Amino acid sequence: MYLNMRTTIDIPEELFKKAKIKAAEQGVSLRELVIRGLQKTLSDVHAKPDSSRLPKLPIGNRKPFDMSNDEIQTLLAAEETDWYGSSR
């Protein structure tokens, strides 16, 4: 069930003016603009970071790594093929 909740918030005047202009440009109400902004912000918060990527950590003078697990597996399989003649 979707309930509407009424609340009051204080918004700096300049931000309020910009928000009203943006809502008008998009042809929506300020209420709709705020709801969209909240939905986007909350969905971004719950989005999981890409845990399949190695962190970019430079070591000494070496370049940082930026490879996914799939890319690493492909390289390991190719290396294994070179060593043993076929991948496992």
N, C-alpha and C. Protein backbone atom coordinates (compact mmCIF):
# COMPACT_ATOMS: atom_id res chain seq x y z
N MET A 1 0.85 -1.17 0.00
CA MET A 1 0.00 0.00 0.00
C MET A 1 0.89 1.24 0.00
N TYR A 2 0.55 2.21 -0.81
CA TYR A 2 1.33 3.43 -0.94
C TYR A 2 0.60 4.56 -0.23
N LEU A 3 1.21 5.09 0.82
CA LEU A 3 0.62 6.19 1.56
C LEU A 3 1.40 7.47 1.28
N ASN A 4 0.69 8.56 1.14
CA ASN A 4 1.34 9.86 1.00
C ASN A 4 1.53 10.45 2.39
N MET A 5 2.72 10.96 2.64
CA MET A 5 3.01 11.60 3.91
C MET A 5 3.27 13.07 3.65
N ARG A 6 2.71 13.92 4.46
CA ARG A 6 2.92 15.36 4.34
C ARG A 6 3.99 15.76 5.34
N THR A 7 4.92 16.60 4.88
CA THR A 7 5.98 17.08 5.75
C THR A 7 6.36 18.50 5.36
N THR A 8 7.09 19.15 6.20
CA THR A 8 7.59 20.49 5.93
C THR A 8 9.11 20.45 6.03
N ILE A 9 9.77 21.01 5.03
CA ILE A 9 11.22 21.10 5.08
C ILE A 9 11.64 22.53 4.72
N ASP A 10 12.75 22.96 5.26
CA ASP A 10 13.29 24.28 4.94
C ASP A 10 14.32 24.12 3.83
N ILE A 11 14.11 24.84 2.74
CA ILE A 11 15.02 24.79 1.60
C ILE A 11 15.57 26.20 1.39
N PRO A 12 16.86 26.33 1.21
CA PRO A 12 17.42 27.65 0.94
C PRO A 12 16.72 28.28 -0.28
N GLU A 13 16.49 29.58 -0.20
CA GLU A 13 15.71 30.28 -1.23
C GLU A 13 16.26 30.08 -2.64
N GLU A 14 17.56 30.18 -2.79
CA GLU A 14 18.16 30.03 -4.12
C GLU A 14 17.94 28.62 -4.67
N LEU A 15 18.08 27.61 -3.83
CA LEU A 15 17.84 26.23 -4.25
C LEU A 15 16.37 26.03 -4.61
N PHE A 16 15.48 26.61 -3.83
CA PHE A 16 14.05 26.53 -4.10
C PHE A 16 13.72 27.12 -5.47
N LYS A 17 14.29 28.28 -5.77
CA LYS A 17 14.05 28.93 -7.07
C LYS A 17 14.54 28.05 -8.22
N LYS A 18 15.74 27.49 -8.06
CA LYS A 18 16.29 26.61 -9.10
C LYS A 18 15.42 25.37 -9.29
N ALA A 19 14.92 24.84 -8.18
CA ALA A 19 14.07 23.65 -8.25
C ALA A 19 12.76 23.97 -8.96
N LYS A 20 12.16 25.11 -8.66
CA LYS A 20 10.91 25.52 -9.31
C LYS A 20 11.13 25.69 -10.82
N ILE A 21 12.25 26.29 -11.20
CA ILE A 21 12.55 26.48 -12.62
C ILE A 21 12.74 25.13 -13.30
N LYS A 22 13.50 24.23 -12.66
CA LYS A 22 13.74 22.90 -13.24
C LYS A 22 12.43 22.14 -13.40
N ALA A 23 11.56 22.21 -12.40
CA ALA A 23 10.26 21.54 -12.48
C ALA A 23 9.46 22.09 -13.65
N ALA A 24 9.45 23.41 -13.81
CA ALA A 24 8.72 24.03 -14.91
C ALA A 24 9.29 23.60 -16.26
N GLU A 25 10.61 23.55 -16.36
CA GLU A 25 11.26 23.12 -17.60
C GLU A 25 10.87 21.68 -17.96
N GLN A 26 10.72 20.85 -16.94
CA GLN A 26 10.37 19.44 -17.17
C GLN A 26 8.86 19.22 -17.25
N GLY A 27 8.10 20.28 -16.98
CA GLY A 27 6.64 20.16 -17.05
C GLY A 27 6.05 19.33 -15.93
N VAL A 28 6.69 19.36 -14.76
CA VAL A 28 6.19 18.61 -13.61
C VAL A 28 6.07 19.57 -12.42
N SER A 29 5.38 19.11 -11.40
CA SER A 29 5.25 19.92 -10.19
C SER A 29 6.54 19.83 -9.37
N LEU A 30 6.70 20.76 -8.45
CA LEU A 30 7.84 20.72 -7.54
C LEU A 30 7.78 19.43 -6.73
N ARG A 31 6.59 19.04 -6.33
CA ARG A 31 6.40 17.79 -5.59
C ARG A 31 6.97 16.61 -6.37
N GLU A 32 6.62 16.52 -7.65
CA GLU A 32 7.08 15.42 -8.49
C GLU A 32 8.61 15.46 -8.65
N LEU A 33 9.16 16.65 -8.82
CA LEU A 33 10.61 16.79 -8.95
C LEU A 33 11.32 16.31 -7.68
N VAL A 34 10.79 16.67 -6.52
CA VAL A 34 11.38 16.25 -5.25
C VAL A 34 11.26 14.73 -5.09
N ILE A 35 10.11 14.18 -5.43
CA ILE A 35 9.93 12.72 -5.33
C ILE A 35 10.93 12.00 -6.22
N ARG A 36 11.08 12.46 -7.46
CA ARG A 36 12.05 11.84 -8.37
C ARG A 36 13.47 11.92 -7.81
N GLY A 37 13.81 13.08 -7.26
CA GLY A 37 15.15 13.25 -6.69
C GLY A 37 15.39 12.32 -5.51
N LEU A 38 14.39 12.19 -4.65
CA LEU A 38 14.51 11.27 -3.51
C LEU A 38 14.64 9.82 -3.98
N GLN A 39 13.81 9.45 -4.96
CA GLN A 39 13.87 8.07 -5.47
C GLN A 39 15.24 7.77 -6.07
N LYS A 40 15.78 8.71 -6.84
CA LYS A 40 17.09 8.50 -7.44
C LYS A 40 18.17 8.41 -6.36
N THR A 41 18.13 9.32 -5.41
CA THR A 41 19.13 9.31 -4.34
C THR A 41 19.06 8.02 -3.54
N LEU A 42 17.87 7.58 -3.21
CA LEU A 42 17.74 6.36 -2.41
C LEU A 42 18.11 5.12 -3.20
N SER A 43 17.83 5.08 -4.49
CA SER A 43 18.22 3.91 -5.28
C SER A 43 19.73 3.88 -5.46
N ASP A 44 20.38 5.06 -5.57
CA ASP A 44 21.84 5.11 -5.67
C ASP A 44 22.49 4.62 -4.39
N VAL A 45 21.91 4.92 -3.25
CA VAL A 45 22.46 4.50 -1.96
C VAL A 45 22.44 2.98 -1.85
N HIS A 46 21.39 2.35 -2.38
CA HIS A 46 21.26 0.91 -2.25
C HIS A 46 21.95 0.13 -3.37
N ALA A 47 22.43 0.84 -4.37
CA ALA A 47 23.14 0.16 -5.44
C ALA A 47 24.45 -0.38 -4.89
N LYS A 48 24.71 -1.66 -5.17
CA LYS A 48 25.93 -2.28 -4.67
C LYS A 48 27.10 -1.85 -5.54
N PRO A 49 28.23 -1.56 -4.94
CA PRO A 49 29.40 -1.27 -5.76
C PRO A 49 29.81 -2.51 -6.53
N ASP A 50 30.50 -2.34 -7.62
CA ASP A 50 30.93 -3.46 -8.44
C ASP A 50 32.05 -4.20 -7.72
N SER A 51 31.67 -5.26 -7.02
CA SER A 51 32.64 -6.02 -6.24
C SER A 51 33.47 -6.96 -7.11
N SER A 52 33.16 -7.00 -8.41
CA SER A 52 33.92 -7.90 -9.29
C SER A 52 35.15 -7.21 -9.86
N ARG A 53 35.45 -6.00 -9.42
CA ARG A 53 36.61 -5.28 -9.92
C ARG A 53 37.67 -5.18 -8.83
N LEU A 54 38.90 -5.31 -9.24
CA LEU A 54 40.00 -5.12 -8.31
C LEU A 54 40.12 -3.64 -7.97
N PRO A 55 40.50 -3.31 -6.77
CA PRO A 55 40.72 -1.90 -6.45
C PRO A 55 41.91 -1.37 -7.23
N LYS A 56 41.87 -0.10 -7.52
CA LYS A 56 42.97 0.54 -8.25
C LYS A 56 44.02 0.98 -7.24
N LEU A 57 44.99 0.11 -7.02
CA LEU A 57 46.03 0.39 -6.04
C LEU A 57 47.39 0.40 -6.72
N PRO A 58 47.96 1.58 -6.93
CA PRO A 58 49.29 1.60 -7.52
C PRO A 58 50.32 1.07 -6.53
N ILE A 59 51.26 0.32 -7.04
CA ILE A 59 52.32 -0.23 -6.20
C ILE A 59 53.65 0.28 -6.75
N GLY A 60 54.34 1.07 -5.96
CA GLY A 60 55.61 1.62 -6.42
C GLY A 60 55.39 2.48 -7.66
N ASN A 61 56.15 2.20 -8.70
CA ASN A 61 56.03 2.94 -9.94
C ASN A 61 55.11 2.26 -10.94
N ARG A 62 54.48 1.14 -10.53
CA ARG A 62 53.60 0.41 -11.43
C ARG A 62 52.26 1.10 -11.58
N LYS A 63 51.61 0.84 -12.71
CA LYS A 63 50.28 1.39 -12.96
C LYS A 63 49.26 0.65 -12.09
N PRO A 64 48.16 1.32 -11.71
CA PRO A 64 47.11 0.62 -10.95
C PRO A 64 46.38 -0.37 -11.84
N PHE A 65 45.88 -1.44 -11.24
CA PHE A 65 45.10 -2.45 -11.95
C PHE A 65 43.64 -2.04 -12.00
N ASP A 66 42.98 -2.36 -13.09
CA ASP A 66 41.54 -2.15 -13.21
C ASP A 66 41.00 -3.28 -14.08
N MET A 67 40.84 -4.45 -13.45
CA MET A 67 40.39 -5.62 -14.19
C MET A 67 39.23 -6.29 -13.46
N SER A 68 38.27 -6.79 -14.24
CA SER A 68 37.16 -7.52 -13.64
C SER A 68 37.59 -8.96 -13.37
N ASN A 69 36.81 -9.67 -12.60
CA ASN A 69 37.10 -11.08 -12.33
C ASN A 69 37.10 -11.89 -13.62
N ASP A 70 36.16 -11.57 -14.53
CA ASP A 70 36.10 -12.29 -15.81
C ASP A 70 37.38 -12.08 -16.62
N GLU A 71 37.89 -10.84 -16.62
CA GLU A 71 39.13 -10.56 -17.35
C GLU A 71 40.30 -11.32 -16.74
N ILE A 72 40.34 -11.40 -15.42
CA ILE A 72 41.40 -12.13 -14.74
C ILE A 72 41.31 -13.62 -15.07
N GLN A 73 40.10 -14.18 -15.03
CA GLN A 73 39.90 -15.60 -15.35
C GLN A 73 40.34 -15.90 -16.78
N THR A 74 40.04 -15.00 -17.71
CA THR A 74 40.45 -15.19 -19.10
C THR A 74 41.97 -15.22 -19.23
N LEU A 75 42.64 -14.30 -18.54
CA LEU A 75 44.10 -14.27 -18.57
C LEU A 75 44.70 -15.53 -17.94
N LEU A 76 44.13 -15.96 -16.82
CA LEU A 76 44.63 -17.17 -16.15
C LEU A 76 44.43 -18.40 -17.03
N ALA A 77 43.26 -18.49 -17.70
CA ALA A 77 43.00 -19.62 -18.58
C ALA A 77 43.98 -19.63 -19.75
N ALA A 78 44.27 -18.45 -20.31
CA ALA A 78 45.22 -18.36 -21.42
C ALA A 78 46.62 -18.77 -20.96
N GLU A 79 46.99 -18.33 -19.77
CA GLU A 79 48.30 -18.68 -19.21
C GLU A 79 48.39 -20.18 -18.97
N GLU A 80 47.33 -20.75 -18.46
CA GLU A 80 47.30 -22.19 -18.20
C GLU A 80 47.40 -22.98 -19.50
N THR A 81 46.73 -22.49 -20.54
CA THR A 81 46.80 -23.14 -21.85
C THR A 81 48.22 -23.12 -22.37
N ASP A 82 48.92 -22.00 -22.18
CA ASP A 82 50.31 -21.92 -22.61
C ASP A 82 51.17 -22.93 -21.85
N TRP A 83 50.92 -23.10 -20.56
CA TRP A 83 51.72 -24.01 -19.75
C TRP A 83 51.41 -25.47 -20.04
N TYR A 84 50.11 -25.82 -20.07
CA TYR A 84 49.73 -27.23 -20.12
C TYR A 84 49.15 -27.66 -21.44
N GLY A 85 48.92 -26.76 -22.36
CA GLY A 85 48.38 -27.14 -23.66
C GLY A 85 46.87 -27.10 -23.73
N SER A 86 46.17 -27.03 -22.60
CA SER A 86 44.71 -26.88 -22.61
C SER A 86 44.27 -26.33 -21.27
N SER A 87 43.12 -25.69 -21.27
CA SER A 87 42.62 -25.15 -19.99
C SER A 87 41.86 -26.23 -19.26
N ARG A 88 41.79 -26.12 -17.96
CA ARG A 88 41.09 -27.13 -17.15
C ARG A 88 39.61 -26.95 -17.20
